[in-house]
Amino acid sequence: MIIVVFILGLGYKILFYINCMTVSLKIPDLSKQLYENDVLKSLNDNWHDYGYDWMAHQLEYVNDVYEAFKDHTKFMIVMYLINKTLSFYSRSYLILCFDDYYLQKTLEIEKFNVIDISKELLIPKETARRKIKELENDGIIKRDKKKLIIDRTAFPFFKPIKAIPRIARFLSKFSKVLSKDKLLDKEFQSVEIEKKIKLNFTHIWKSYYELQLNMIKNWNIHFRDFTTWHVYGTIAASQGYAISKEIVINKSRKNFNELLVSGKYFRGINAMSVSELTGIPRATVVRKLNLLIKSKYLVINKKKQYFTSGEHVNELTEIQSKVIKNLSIFITKVMNSINLV
């Protein structure tokens, strides 16, 4: 479905081209509006119940990222370029549903330059130039006369077959706490959320890409290498799973993080397991693990099992807070799109 909206003074005119399904509009009940600050507070106050779900979601997403190209940076560049087109759709008041968006095998993208990509993604200019050249050699970015296109057939992993149900499940589970806190009138089932995402795909997925791009950039800056964070995050998520099974009174994110770095509830994970979970070659994993131990992000026991350390907690928490803030923005947008219509 494509929706084109023209704003005309105090009134409005809406033009529909409907392929997916018939849509009816009604005036939103603004008293049901969800606010970002309330969502952020609920996330921070109930992190013990939802923190691991989010960590697992992000880990699975990053695993998909690596599986696509075996290269985090190239994936990030493609995501950035696609999101430029989604942003153009948004500025032009165009909304395409999932089926219509993926009807074509290629996607025209806005013109770009290496300097902009370097600045936006916070990667060295020469790295950006090299990765773009590799994407062109791989046949993913193509030039068709004056057009720049992305060939979707060259990277089928980018179609969010798994990502949409995954984020829908997380949002459904989190809607329970929002309902409990009387911020929502009711809980939403994952099927209902998935349907809404697919119906308003380009609009919602633009926000999802912005969430993920900001997450990748923040961790990439801190660790100076996203693969290093991928390894560290896998170990942290494994510890988070162990903590989520414990019964605690204080469910705050602060308490969850304190338990996470204590190592009290976790047996540790070895290099082979990290490699199997991430898809990253074992030799690369071992190299990153040694780097993380040297820089005191991780500790190792006699059985060669790895744990997060208590070092760098303040720095890591600060970055996590930025990610959670962006997550609250995304949740608010999606929930309002479901709850107000």
C-alpha atoms as a PDB file:
ATOM      1  CA  MET A   1       0.000   0.000   0.000  1.00  0.00           C
ATOM      2  CA  ILE A   2       1.219   3.506  -0.796  1.00  0.00           C
ATOM      3  CA  ILE A   3      -0.220   6.473   1.062  1.00  0.00           C
ATOM      4  CA  VAL A   4       0.457   9.985  -0.209  1.00  0.00           C
ATOM      5  CA  VAL A   5      -0.511  12.859   2.075  1.00  0.00           C
ATOM      6  CA  PHE A   6      -0.624  16.485   0.919  1.00  0.00           C
ATOM      7  CA  ILE A   7      -0.896  19.133   3.624  1.00  0.00           C
ATOM      8  CA  LEU A   8      -3.033  22.043   2.389  1.00  0.00           C
ATOM      9  CA  GLY A   9      -3.248  24.906   4.860  1.00  0.00           C
ATOM     10  CA  LEU A  10      -5.526  23.991   7.734  1.00  0.00           C
ATOM     11  CA  GLY A  11      -7.113  21.128   5.866  1.00  0.00           C
ATOM     12  CA  TYR A  12      -5.724  18.008   4.279  1.00  0.00           C
ATOM     13  CA  LYS A  13      -6.174  15.841   1.282  1.00  0.00           C
ATOM     14  CA  ILE A  14      -5.304  12.132   1.301  1.00  0.00           C
ATOM     15  CA  LEU A  15      -4.729  10.081  -1.832  1.00  0.00           C
ATOM     16  CA  PHE A  16      -4.596   6.275  -1.643  1.00  0.00           C
ATOM     17  CA  TYR A  17      -3.136   3.659  -3.950  1.00  0.00           C
ATOM     18  CA  ILE A  18      -4.166   0.436  -2.250  1.00  0.00           C
ATOM     19  CA  ASN A  19      -2.607  -2.914  -3.153  1.00  0.00           C
ATOM     20  CA  CYS A  20      -2.377  -4.700   0.211  1.00  0.00           C
ATOM     21  CA  MET A  21      -5.767  -4.166   1.770  1.00  0.00           C
ATOM     22  CA  THR A  22      -8.554  -1.646   2.290  1.00  0.00           C
ATOM     23  CA  VAL A  23      -7.784   0.907   4.981  1.00  0.00           C
ATOM     24  CA  SER A  24     -10.258   2.954   6.981  1.00  0.00           C
ATOM     25  CA  LEU A  25      -9.279   6.035   8.941  1.00  0.00           C
ATOM     26  CA  LYS A  26     -10.657   7.406  12.174  1.00  0.00           C
ATOM     27  CA  ILE A  27      -9.808  10.388  14.327  1.00  0.00           C
ATOM     28  CA  PRO A  28      -7.131   9.366  16.886  1.00  0.00           C
ATOM     29  CA  ASP A  29      -8.040   9.505  20.568  1.00  0.00           C
ATOM     30  CA  LEU A  30      -5.121  11.579  21.846  1.00  0.00           C
ATOM     31  CA  SER A  31      -5.935  10.786  25.467  1.00  0.00           C
ATOM     32  CA  LYS A  32      -4.509   7.329  24.734  1.00  0.00           C
ATOM     33  CA  GLN A  33      -1.215   8.740  23.544  1.00  0.00           C
ATOM     34  CA  LEU A  34       1.940   7.095  24.887  1.00  0.00           C
ATOM     35  CA  TYR A  35       4.868   9.336  25.880  1.00  0.00           C
ATOM     36  CA  GLU A  36       8.564   8.578  25.523  1.00  0.00           C
ATOM     37  CA  ASN A  37       9.450   9.524  29.098  1.00  0.00           C
ATOM     38  CA  ASP A  38       6.859   7.102  30.486  1.00  0.00           C
ATOM     39  CA  VAL A  39       8.132   4.317  28.251  1.00  0.00           C
ATOM     40  CA  LEU A  40      11.733   5.021  29.239  1.00  0.00           C
ATOM     41  CA  LYS A  41      10.817   4.924  32.938  1.00  0.00           C
ATOM     42  CA  SER A  42       9.018   1.585  32.471  1.00  0.00           C
ATOM     43  CA  LEU A  43      12.055   0.145  30.701  1.00  0.00           C
ATOM     44  CA  ASN A  44      14.430   1.270  33.446  1.00  0.00           C
ATOM     45  CA  ASP A  45      12.143   0.176  36.294  1.00  0.00           C
ATOM     46  CA  ASN A  46      11.328  -3.271  34.846  1.00  0.00           C
ATOM     47  CA  TRP A  47      14.599  -4.165  33.144  1.00  0.00           C
ATOM     48  CA  HIS A  48      14.950  -7.457  35.018  1.00  0.00           C
ATOM     49  CA  ASP A  49      11.812  -8.739  33.273  1.00  0.00           C
ATOM     50  CA  TYR A  50      12.633  -7.389  29.793  1.00  0.00           C
ATOM     51  CA  GLY A  51      16.368  -6.696  29.679  1.00  0.00           C
ATOM     52  CA  TYR A  52      17.398 -10.137  28.513  1.00  0.00           C
ATOM     53  CA  ASP A  53      14.657 -10.175  25.865  1.00  0.00           C
ATOM     54  CA  TRP A  54      16.127  -7.002  24.424  1.00  0.00           C
ATOM     55  CA  MET A  55      19.712  -8.278  24.721  1.00  0.00           C
ATOM     56  CA  ALA A  56      18.692 -11.497  22.955  1.00  0.00           C
ATOM     57  CA  HIS A  57      16.887  -9.522  20.245  1.00  0.00           C
ATOM     58  CA  GLN A  58      19.973  -7.409  19.592  1.00  0.00           C
ATOM     59  CA  LEU A  59      22.289 -10.400  19.637  1.00  0.00           C
ATOM     60  CA  GLU A  60      20.148 -12.232  17.081  1.00  0.00           C
ATOM     61  CA  TYR A  61      19.989  -9.094  14.960  1.00  0.00           C
ATOM     62  CA  VAL A  62      23.774  -8.647  15.022  1.00  0.00           C
ATOM     63  CA  ASN A  63      24.223 -12.346  14.234  1.00  0.00           C
ATOM     64  CA  ASP A  64      22.038 -11.791  11.148  1.00  0.00           C
ATOM     65  CA  VAL A  65      24.155  -8.749  10.294  1.00  0.00           C
ATOM     66  CA  TYR A  66      27.316 -10.815  10.367  1.00  0.00           C
ATOM     67  CA  GLU A  67      25.736 -13.725   8.494  1.00  0.00           C
ATOM     68  CA  ALA A  68      24.749 -11.441   5.622  1.00  0.00           C
ATOM     69  CA  PHE A  69      28.222 -10.210   4.638  1.00  0.00           C
ATOM     70  CA  LYS A  70      30.644 -11.602   7.238  1.00  0.00           C
ATOM     71  CA  ASP A  71      31.411  -7.924   7.647  1.00  0.00           C
ATOM     72  CA  HIS A  72      29.612  -5.563  10.050  1.00  0.00           C
ATOM     73  CA  THR A  73      30.747  -2.360   8.321  1.00  0.00           C
ATOM     74  CA  LYS A  74      29.445  -3.309   4.863  1.00  0.00           C
ATOM     75  CA  PHE A  75      26.076  -4.221   6.348  1.00  0.00           C
ATOM     76  CA  MET A  76      25.953  -0.900   8.188  1.00  0.00           C
ATOM     77  CA  ILE A  77      26.659   1.009   4.960  1.00  0.00           C
ATOM     78  CA  VAL A  78      23.881  -0.826   3.086  1.00  0.00           C
ATOM     79  CA  MET A  79      21.480  -0.182   5.975  1.00  0.00           C
ATOM     80  CA  TYR A  80      22.414   3.502   5.929  1.00  0.00           C
ATOM     81  CA  LEU A  81      21.819   3.762   2.164  1.00  0.00           C
ATOM     82  CA  ILE A  82      18.463   1.996   2.348  1.00  0.00           C
ATOM     83  CA  ASN A  83      17.417   4.222   5.221  1.00  0.00           C
ATOM     84  CA  LYS A  84      18.201   7.304   3.103  1.00  0.00           C
ATOM     85  CA  THR A  85      15.545   6.082   0.683  1.00  0.00           C
ATOM     86  CA  LEU A  86      13.104   5.319   3.501  1.00  0.00           C
ATOM     87  CA  SER A  87      13.713   8.851   4.805  1.00  0.00           C
ATOM     88  CA  PHE A  88      12.882  10.217   1.343  1.00  0.00           C
ATOM     89  CA  TYR A  89       9.622   8.264   1.380  1.00  0.00           C
ATOM     90  CA  SER A  90       8.827   9.704   4.797  1.00  0.00           C
ATOM     91  CA  ARG A  91       9.556  13.286   3.711  1.00  0.00           C
ATOM     92  CA  SER A  92       7.336  12.733   0.674  1.00  0.00           C
ATOM     93  CA  TYR A  93       4.485  11.317   2.814  1.00  0.00           C
ATOM     94  CA  LEU A  94       4.792   7.886   1.181  1.00  0.00           C
ATOM     95  CA  ILE A  95       4.100   4.676   3.086  1.00  0.00           C
ATOM     96  CA  LEU A  96       4.668   1.324   1.412  1.00  0.00           C
ATOM     97  CA  CYS A  97       3.539  -1.944   2.928  1.00  0.00           C
ATOM     98  CA  PHE A  98       5.940  -4.871   3.217  1.00  0.00           C
ATOM     99  CA  ASP A  99       4.673  -6.719   0.125  1.00  0.00           C
ATOM    100  CA  ASP A 100       4.793  -3.671  -2.139  1.00  0.00           C
ATOM    101  CA  TYR A 101       8.213  -2.623  -0.901  1.00  0.00           C
ATOM    102  CA  TYR A 102       9.712  -6.018  -1.720  1.00  0.00           C
ATOM    103  CA  LEU A 103       7.828  -6.412  -4.995  1.00  0.00           C
ATOM    104  CA  GLN A 104      10.824  -5.069  -6.931  1.00  0.00           C
ATOM    105  CA  LYS A 105      14.166  -6.891  -7.037  1.00  0.00           C
ATOM    106  CA  THR A 106      16.104  -3.617  -6.977  1.00  0.00           C
ATOM    107  CA  LEU A 107      15.828  -0.469  -4.882  1.00  0.00           C
ATOM    108  CA  GLU A 108      16.798   2.955  -6.155  1.00  0.00           C
ATOM    109  CA  ILE A 109      18.806   4.887  -3.585  1.00  0.00           C
ATOM    110  CA  GLU A 110      19.684   8.532  -3.211  1.00  0.00           C
ATOM    111  CA  LYS A 111      23.092   9.658  -4.381  1.00  0.00           C
ATOM    112  CA  PHE A 112      25.771   9.513  -1.727  1.00  0.00           C
ATOM    113  CA  ASN A 113      29.400  10.378  -1.194  1.00  0.00           C
ATOM    114  CA  VAL A 114      32.131   8.769   0.868  1.00  0.00           C
ATOM    115  CA  ILE A 115      32.586  11.789   3.152  1.00  0.00           C
ATOM    116  CA  ASP A 116      28.920  11.784   4.202  1.00  0.00           C
ATOM    117  CA  ILE A 117      28.980   8.043   4.926  1.00  0.00           C
ATOM    118  CA  SER A 118      32.199   8.445   6.905  1.00  0.00           C
ATOM    119  CA  LYS A 119      30.698  11.253   9.003  1.00  0.00           C
ATOM    120  CA  GLU A 120      27.281   9.669   9.498  1.00  0.00           C
ATOM    121  CA  LEU A 121      28.584   6.225  10.436  1.00  0.00           C
ATOM    122  CA  LEU A 122      31.674   7.493  12.250  1.00  0.00           C
ATOM    123  CA  ILE A 123      34.086   5.305  10.304  1.00  0.00           C
ATOM    124  CA  PRO A 124      37.380   6.346   8.633  1.00  0.00           C
ATOM    125  CA  LYS A 125      36.970   7.769   5.134  1.00  0.00           C
ATOM    126  CA  GLU A 126      39.324   5.211   3.599  1.00  0.00           C
ATOM    127  CA  THR A 127      37.421   2.374   5.273  1.00  0.00           C
ATOM    128  CA  ALA A 128      34.137   3.710   3.877  1.00  0.00           C
ATOM    129  CA  ARG A 129      35.663   4.039   0.398  1.00  0.00           C
ATOM    130  CA  ARG A 130      37.067   0.492   0.486  1.00  0.00           C
ATOM    131  CA  LYS A 131      33.822  -1.067   1.718  1.00  0.00           C
ATOM    132  CA  ILE A 132      31.734   0.756  -0.899  1.00  0.00           C
ATOM    133  CA  LYS A 133      34.074  -0.530  -3.600  1.00  0.00           C
ATOM    134  CA  GLU A 134      33.674  -4.057  -2.235  1.00  0.00           C
ATOM    135  CA  LEU A 135      29.882  -3.684  -2.301  1.00  0.00           C
ATOM    136  CA  GLU A 136      30.100  -2.599  -5.937  1.00  0.00           C
ATOM    137  CA  ASN A 137      32.380  -5.547  -6.760  1.00  0.00           C
ATOM    138  CA  ASP A 138      29.914  -7.868  -5.018  1.00  0.00           C
ATOM    139  CA  GLY A 139      27.136  -6.564  -7.284  1.00  0.00           C
ATOM    140  CA  ILE A 140      25.115  -5.167  -4.397  1.00  0.00           C
ATOM    141  CA  ILE A 141      25.479  -1.493  -5.341  1.00  0.00           C
ATOM    142  CA  LYS A 142      25.058  -0.875  -9.062  1.00  0.00           C
ATOM    143  CA  ARG A 143      25.023   2.146 -11.327  1.00  0.00           C
ATOM    144  CA  ASP A 144      22.298   2.225 -13.974  1.00  0.00           C
ATOM    145  CA  LYS A 145      22.916   5.308 -16.110  1.00  0.00           C
ATOM    146  CA  LYS A 146      22.200   8.169 -13.685  1.00  0.00           C
ATOM    147  CA  LYS A 147      20.580   5.900 -11.114  1.00  0.00           C
ATOM    148  CA  LEU A 148      22.125   4.173  -8.118  1.00  0.00           C
ATOM    149  CA  ILE A 149      20.435   0.916  -7.189  1.00  0.00           C
ATOM    150  CA  ILE A 150      20.780  -1.819  -4.600  1.00  0.00           C
ATOM    151  CA  ASP A 151      20.288  -5.327  -5.950  1.00  0.00           C
ATOM    152  CA  ARG A 152      18.201  -7.135  -3.343  1.00  0.00           C
ATOM    153  CA  THR A 153      18.813 -10.519  -4.963  1.00  0.00           C
ATOM    154  CA  ALA A 154      22.490 -10.198  -4.028  1.00  0.00           C
ATOM    155  CA  PHE A 155      21.737 -10.171  -0.291  1.00  0.00           C
ATOM    156  CA  PRO A 156      18.518 -12.042   0.601  1.00  0.00           C
ATOM    157  CA  PHE A 157      19.415 -11.842   4.315  1.00  0.00           C
ATOM    158  CA  PHE A 158      18.436  -8.158   4.319  1.00  0.00           C
ATOM    159  CA  LYS A 159      14.741  -8.958   3.955  1.00  0.00           C
ATOM    160  CA  PRO A 160      13.558  -8.883   7.601  1.00  0.00           C
ATOM    161  CA  ILE A 161      11.776 -12.227   7.600  1.00  0.00           C
ATOM    162  CA  LYS A 162      13.030 -13.005  11.112  1.00  0.00           C
ATOM    163  CA  ALA A 163      13.480  -9.440  12.394  1.00  0.00           C
ATOM    164  CA  ILE A 164       9.808  -8.403  12.157  1.00  0.00           C
ATOM    165  CA  PRO A 165       8.390 -11.316  14.203  1.00  0.00           C
ATOM    166  CA  ARG A 166      11.300 -10.935  16.636  1.00  0.00           C
ATOM    167  CA  ILE A 167      10.690  -7.243  17.373  1.00  0.00           C
ATOM    168  CA  ALA A 168       6.915  -7.892  17.409  1.00  0.00           C
ATOM    169  CA  ARG A 169       7.387 -10.503  20.162  1.00  0.00           C
ATOM    170  CA  PHE A 170       9.461  -8.094  22.236  1.00  0.00           C
ATOM    171  CA  LEU A 171       6.939  -5.272  21.812  1.00  0.00           C
ATOM    172  CA  SER A 172       4.077  -7.614  22.688  1.00  0.00           C
ATOM    173  CA  LYS A 173       5.791  -8.704  25.891  1.00  0.00           C
ATOM    174  CA  PHE A 174       6.616  -5.132  26.830  1.00  0.00           C
ATOM    175  CA  SER A 175       3.017  -4.048  26.176  1.00  0.00           C
ATOM    176  CA  LYS A 176       2.126  -6.110  29.264  1.00  0.00           C
ATOM    177  CA  VAL A 177       4.077  -3.830  31.598  1.00  0.00           C
ATOM    178  CA  LEU A 178       2.725  -0.745  29.831  1.00  0.00           C
ATOM    179  CA  SER A 179      -0.789  -2.083  30.348  1.00  0.00           C
ATOM    180  CA  LYS A 180      -0.017  -2.954  33.960  1.00  0.00           C
ATOM    181  CA  ASP A 181       1.239   0.604  34.524  1.00  0.00           C
ATOM    182  CA  LYS A 182      -1.996   1.862  32.878  1.00  0.00           C
ATOM    183  CA  LEU A 183      -0.042   3.518  30.075  1.00  0.00           C
ATOM    184  CA  LEU A 184      -1.898   1.320  27.576  1.00  0.00           C
ATOM    185  CA  ASP A 185      -5.531   0.262  27.762  1.00  0.00           C
ATOM    186  CA  LYS A 186      -4.653  -3.311  26.839  1.00  0.00           C
ATOM    187  CA  GLU A 187      -1.867  -5.676  25.872  1.00  0.00           C
ATOM    188  CA  PHE A 188      -1.131  -6.302  22.196  1.00  0.00           C
ATOM    189  CA  GLN A 189      -0.455  -9.704  20.690  1.00  0.00           C
ATOM    190  CA  SER A 190       2.662 -10.142  18.571  1.00  0.00           C
ATOM    191  CA  VAL A 191       0.546 -11.111  15.530  1.00  0.00           C
ATOM    192  CA  GLU A 192      -1.302  -7.797  15.739  1.00  0.00           C
ATOM    193  CA  ILE A 193       1.953  -5.840  16.031  1.00  0.00           C
ATOM    194  CA  GLU A 194       3.560  -7.733  13.165  1.00  0.00           C
ATOM    195  CA  LYS A 195       0.545  -6.993  10.974  1.00  0.00           C
ATOM    196  CA  LYS A 196       0.794  -3.269  11.772  1.00  0.00           C
ATOM    197  CA  ILE A 197       4.536  -3.194  11.030  1.00  0.00           C
ATOM    198  CA  LYS A 198       4.019  -4.849   7.650  1.00  0.00           C
ATOM    199  CA  LEU A 199       1.116  -2.563   6.764  1.00  0.00           C
ATOM    200  CA  ASN A 200       3.158   0.581   7.539  1.00  0.00           C
ATOM    201  CA  PHE A 201       6.477  -1.020   6.703  1.00  0.00           C
ATOM    202  CA  THR A 202       8.567   1.830   5.256  1.00  0.00           C
ATOM    203  CA  HIS A 203       7.446   4.232   7.977  1.00  0.00           C
ATOM    204  CA  ILE A 204       8.105   1.905  10.915  1.00  0.00           C
ATOM    205  CA  TRP A 205      11.209   0.253   9.493  1.00  0.00           C
ATOM    206  CA  LYS A 206      12.816   3.648   8.988  1.00  0.00           C
ATOM    207  CA  SER A 207      12.569   4.112  12.768  1.00  0.00           C
ATOM    208  CA  TYR A 208      13.855   0.572  13.333  1.00  0.00           C
ATOM    209  CA  TYR A 209      16.914   1.188  11.139  1.00  0.00           C
ATOM    210  CA  GLU A 210      17.595   4.455  12.943  1.00  0.00           C
ATOM    211  CA  LEU A 211      17.458   2.563  16.251  1.00  0.00           C
ATOM    212  CA  GLN A 212      19.908  -0.069  14.999  1.00  0.00           C
ATOM    213  CA  LEU A 213      22.264   2.365  13.257  1.00  0.00           C
ATOM    214  CA  ASN A 214      22.576   4.437  16.418  1.00  0.00           C
ATOM    215  CA  MET A 215      23.185   1.300  18.457  1.00  0.00           C
ATOM    216  CA  ILE A 216      25.916   0.076  16.104  1.00  0.00           C
ATOM    217  CA  LYS A 217      27.579   3.491  15.939  1.00  0.00           C
ATOM    218  CA  ASN A 218      27.642   3.934  19.711  1.00  0.00           C
ATOM    219  CA  TRP A 219      29.185   0.528  20.408  1.00  0.00           C
ATOM    220  CA  ASN A 220      31.526   0.793  17.428  1.00  0.00           C
ATOM    221  CA  ILE A 221      32.930   4.080  18.735  1.00  0.00           C
ATOM    222  CA  HIS A 222      33.505   2.676  22.202  1.00  0.00           C
ATOM    223  CA  PHE A 223      35.123  -0.611  21.211  1.00  0.00           C
ATOM    224  CA  ARG A 224      36.710   0.850  18.054  1.00  0.00           C
ATOM    225  CA  ASP A 225      35.606  -2.286  16.262  1.00  0.00           C
ATOM    226  CA  PHE A 226      32.088  -3.678  16.079  1.00  0.00           C
ATOM    227  CA  THR A 227      33.258  -7.289  15.930  1.00  0.00           C
ATOM    228  CA  THR A 228      34.822  -6.786  19.360  1.00  0.00           C
ATOM    229  CA  TRP A 229      31.484  -5.584  20.727  1.00  0.00           C
ATOM    230  CA  HIS A 230      29.749  -8.544  19.041  1.00  0.00           C
ATOM    231  CA  VAL A 231      31.978 -10.922  21.023  1.00  0.00           C
ATOM    232  CA  TYR A 232      31.602  -8.941  24.258  1.00  0.00           C
ATOM    233  CA  GLY A 233      27.840  -8.584  23.808  1.00  0.00           C
ATOM    234  CA  THR A 234      27.430 -12.333  23.320  1.00  0.00           C
ATOM    235  CA  ILE A 235      29.053 -13.010  26.680  1.00  0.00           C
ATOM    236  CA  ALA A 236      27.058 -10.233  28.376  1.00  0.00           C
ATOM    237  CA  ALA A 237      23.803 -11.610  26.912  1.00  0.00           C
ATOM    238  CA  SER A 238      24.641 -15.095  28.180  1.00  0.00           C
ATOM    239  CA  GLN A 239      25.123 -13.644  31.656  1.00  0.00           C
ATOM    240  CA  GLY A 240      21.925 -11.648  31.258  1.00  0.00           C
ATOM    241  CA  TYR A 241      19.997 -14.852  30.569  1.00  0.00           C
ATOM    242  CA  ALA A 242      21.262 -16.392  33.810  1.00  0.00           C
ATOM    243  CA  ILE A 243      20.301 -13.283  35.789  1.00  0.00           C
ATOM    244  CA  SER A 244      16.823 -13.089  34.223  1.00  0.00           C
ATOM    245  CA  LYS A 245      16.023 -16.498  35.755  1.00  0.00           C
ATOM    246  CA  GLU A 246      16.662 -15.229  39.280  1.00  0.00           C
ATOM    247  CA  ILE A 247      13.795 -13.892  41.409  1.00  0.00           C
ATOM    248  CA  VAL A 248      14.596 -10.391  42.628  1.00  0.00           C
ATOM    249  CA  ILE A 249      12.677  -7.588  44.321  1.00  0.00           C
ATOM    250  CA  ASN A 250      14.589  -4.743  42.683  1.00  0.00           C
ATOM    251  CA  LYS A 251      13.900  -5.078  38.951  1.00  0.00           C
ATOM    252  CA  SER A 252      15.652  -1.891  37.871  1.00  0.00           C
ATOM    253  CA  ARG A 253      18.218  -1.705  35.084  1.00  0.00           C
ATOM    254  CA  LYS A 254      20.797  -0.460  37.594  1.00  0.00           C
ATOM    255  CA  ASN A 255      20.383  -3.547  39.770  1.00  0.00           C
ATOM    256  CA  PHE A 256      20.354  -5.860  36.729  1.00  0.00           C
ATOM    257  CA  ASN A 257      23.666  -4.416  35.523  1.00  0.00           C
ATOM    258  CA  GLU A 258      25.218  -4.733  38.979  1.00  0.00           C
ATOM    259  CA  LEU A 259      24.239  -8.416  39.088  1.00  0.00           C
ATOM    260  CA  LEU A 260      25.531  -8.898  35.556  1.00  0.00           C
ATOM    261  CA  VAL A 261      29.078  -7.755  36.303  1.00  0.00           C
ATOM    262  CA  SER A 262      29.181  -9.591  39.648  1.00  0.00           C
ATOM    263  CA  GLY A 263      29.491 -12.962  37.878  1.00  0.00           C
ATOM    264  CA  LYS A 264      27.566 -14.565  40.712  1.00  0.00           C
ATOM    265  CA  TYR A 265      24.905 -16.314  38.627  1.00  0.00           C
ATOM    266  CA  PHE A 266      26.929 -17.328  35.593  1.00  0.00           C
ATOM    267  CA  ARG A 267      29.187 -20.316  34.882  1.00  0.00           C
ATOM    268  CA  GLY A 268      31.012 -18.665  32.012  1.00  0.00           C
ATOM    269  CA  ILE A 269      31.249 -19.365  28.282  1.00  0.00           C
ATOM    270  CA  ASN A 270      34.180 -20.614  26.202  1.00  0.00           C
ATOM    271  CA  ALA A 271      35.597 -19.363  22.915  1.00  0.00           C
ATOM    272  CA  MET A 272      34.079 -22.182  20.837  1.00  0.00           C
ATOM    273  CA  SER A 273      30.586 -21.420  22.145  1.00  0.00           C
ATOM    274  CA  VAL A 274      30.998 -17.716  21.326  1.00  0.00           C
ATOM    275  CA  SER A 275      32.104 -18.648  17.802  1.00  0.00           C
ATOM    276  CA  GLU A 276      29.120 -20.977  17.328  1.00  0.00           C
ATOM    277  CA  LEU A 277      26.647 -18.370  18.615  1.00  0.00           C
ATOM    278  CA  THR A 278      27.980 -15.515  16.483  1.00  0.00           C
ATOM    279  CA  GLY A 279      29.206 -17.297  13.367  1.00  0.00           C
ATOM    280  CA  ILE A 280      32.534 -15.491  13.748  1.00  0.00           C
ATOM    281  CA  PRO A 281      35.566 -17.766  13.097  1.00  0.00           C
ATOM    282  CA  ARG A 282      37.087 -19.162  16.286  1.00  0.00           C
ATOM    283  CA  ALA A 283      40.512 -17.649  15.556  1.00  0.00           C
ATOM    284  CA  THR A 284      38.945 -14.186  15.302  1.00  0.00           C
ATOM    285  CA  VAL A 285      36.928 -14.782  18.476  1.00  0.00           C
ATOM    286  CA  VAL A 286      40.052 -15.817  20.413  1.00  0.00           C
ATOM    287  CA  ARG A 287      41.900 -12.718  19.208  1.00  0.00           C
ATOM    288  CA  LYS A 288      39.028 -10.465  20.307  1.00  0.00           C
ATOM    289  CA  LEU A 289      38.711 -12.254  23.647  1.00  0.00           C
ATOM    290  CA  ASN A 290      42.402 -11.726  24.362  1.00  0.00           C
ATOM    291  CA  LEU A 291      41.997  -8.042  23.508  1.00  0.00           C
ATOM    292  CA  LEU A 292      38.988  -7.756  25.828  1.00  0.00           C
ATOM    293  CA  ILE A 293      40.889  -9.424  28.678  1.00  0.00           C
ATOM    294  CA  LYS A 294      43.883  -7.167  28.136  1.00  0.00           C
ATOM    295  CA  SER A 295      41.650  -4.097  28.262  1.00  0.00           C
ATOM    296  CA  LYS A 296      39.874  -5.514  31.360  1.00  0.00           C
ATOM    297  CA  TYR A 297      36.403  -5.899  29.847  1.00  0.00           C
ATOM    298  CA  LEU A 298      36.488  -9.636  30.491  1.00  0.00           C
ATOM    299  CA  VAL A 299      38.019 -12.100  32.936  1.00  0.00           C
ATOM    300  CA  ILE A 300      38.808 -15.781  32.398  1.00  0.00           C
ATOM    301  CA  ASN A 301      38.811 -18.720  34.829  1.00  0.00           C
ATOM    302  CA  LYS A 302      40.919 -21.897  34.927  1.00  0.00           C
ATOM    303  CA  LYS A 303      38.435 -23.706  32.676  1.00  0.00           C
ATOM    304  CA  LYS A 304      38.986 -21.015  29.996  1.00  0.00           C
ATOM    305  CA  GLN A 305      35.473 -19.675  30.450  1.00  0.00           C
ATOM    306  CA  TYR A 306      34.887 -15.962  30.028  1.00  0.00           C
ATOM    307  CA  PHE A 307      32.895 -13.477  32.151  1.00  0.00           C
ATOM    308  CA  THR A 308      32.305  -9.741  32.014  1.00  0.00           C
ATOM    309  CA  SER A 309      34.407  -7.865  34.555  1.00  0.00           C
ATOM    310  CA  GLY A 310      33.423  -5.040  36.890  1.00  0.00           C
ATOM    311  CA  GLU A 311      35.627  -2.631  34.940  1.00  0.00           C
ATOM    312  CA  HIS A 312      34.274   0.049  32.575  1.00  0.00           C
ATOM    313  CA  VAL A 313      30.783  -0.249  34.106  1.00  0.00           C
ATOM    314  CA  ASN A 314      30.112   3.488  34.057  1.00  0.00           C
ATOM    315  CA  GLU A 315      31.179   3.874  30.432  1.00  0.00           C
ATOM    316  CA  LEU A 316      29.155   0.855  29.288  1.00  0.00           C
ATOM    317  CA  THR A 317      26.088   1.954  31.251  1.00  0.00           C
ATOM    318  CA  GLU A 318      26.264   5.402  29.662  1.00  0.00           C
ATOM    319  CA  ILE A 319      26.235   3.905  26.159  1.00  0.00           C
ATOM    320  CA  GLN A 320      23.483   1.473  27.123  1.00  0.00           C
ATOM    321  CA  SER A 321      21.417   4.435  28.373  1.00  0.00           C
ATOM    322  CA  LYS A 322      21.646   6.047  24.921  1.00  0.00           C
ATOM    323  CA  VAL A 323      20.517   2.816  23.299  1.00  0.00           C
ATOM    324  CA  ILE A 324      17.605   2.424  25.744  1.00  0.00           C
ATOM    325  CA  LYS A 325      16.588   6.039  25.155  1.00  0.00           C
ATOM    326  CA  ASN A 326      16.409   5.326  21.407  1.00  0.00           C
ATOM    327  CA  LEU A 327      14.512   2.125  22.133  1.00  0.00           C
ATOM    328  CA  SER A 328      11.921   4.073  24.125  1.00  0.00           C
ATOM    329  CA  ILE A 329      11.445   6.406  21.139  1.00  0.00           C
ATOM    330  CA  PHE A 330      10.913   3.445  18.804  1.00  0.00           C
ATOM    331  CA  ILE A 331       8.493   1.693  21.177  1.00  0.00           C
ATOM    332  CA  THR A 332       6.484   4.901  21.583  1.00  0.00           C
ATOM    333  CA  LYS A 333       6.142   5.394  17.825  1.00  0.00           C
ATOM    334  CA  VAL A 334       5.052   1.822  17.134  1.00  0.00           C
ATOM    335  CA  MET A 335       2.662   1.561  20.075  1.00  0.00           C
ATOM    336  CA  ASN A 336       1.016   4.878  19.213  1.00  0.00           C
ATOM    337  CA  SER A 337       0.572   3.763  15.614  1.00  0.00           C
ATOM    338  CA  ILE A 338      -1.310   0.714  16.898  1.00  0.00           C
ATOM    339  CA  ASN A 339      -3.120   2.180  19.874  1.00  0.00           C
ATOM    340  CA  LEU A 340      -4.337   5.448  18.343  1.00  0.00           C
ATOM    341  CA  VAL A 341      -5.721   4.059  15.094  1.00  0.00           C
END
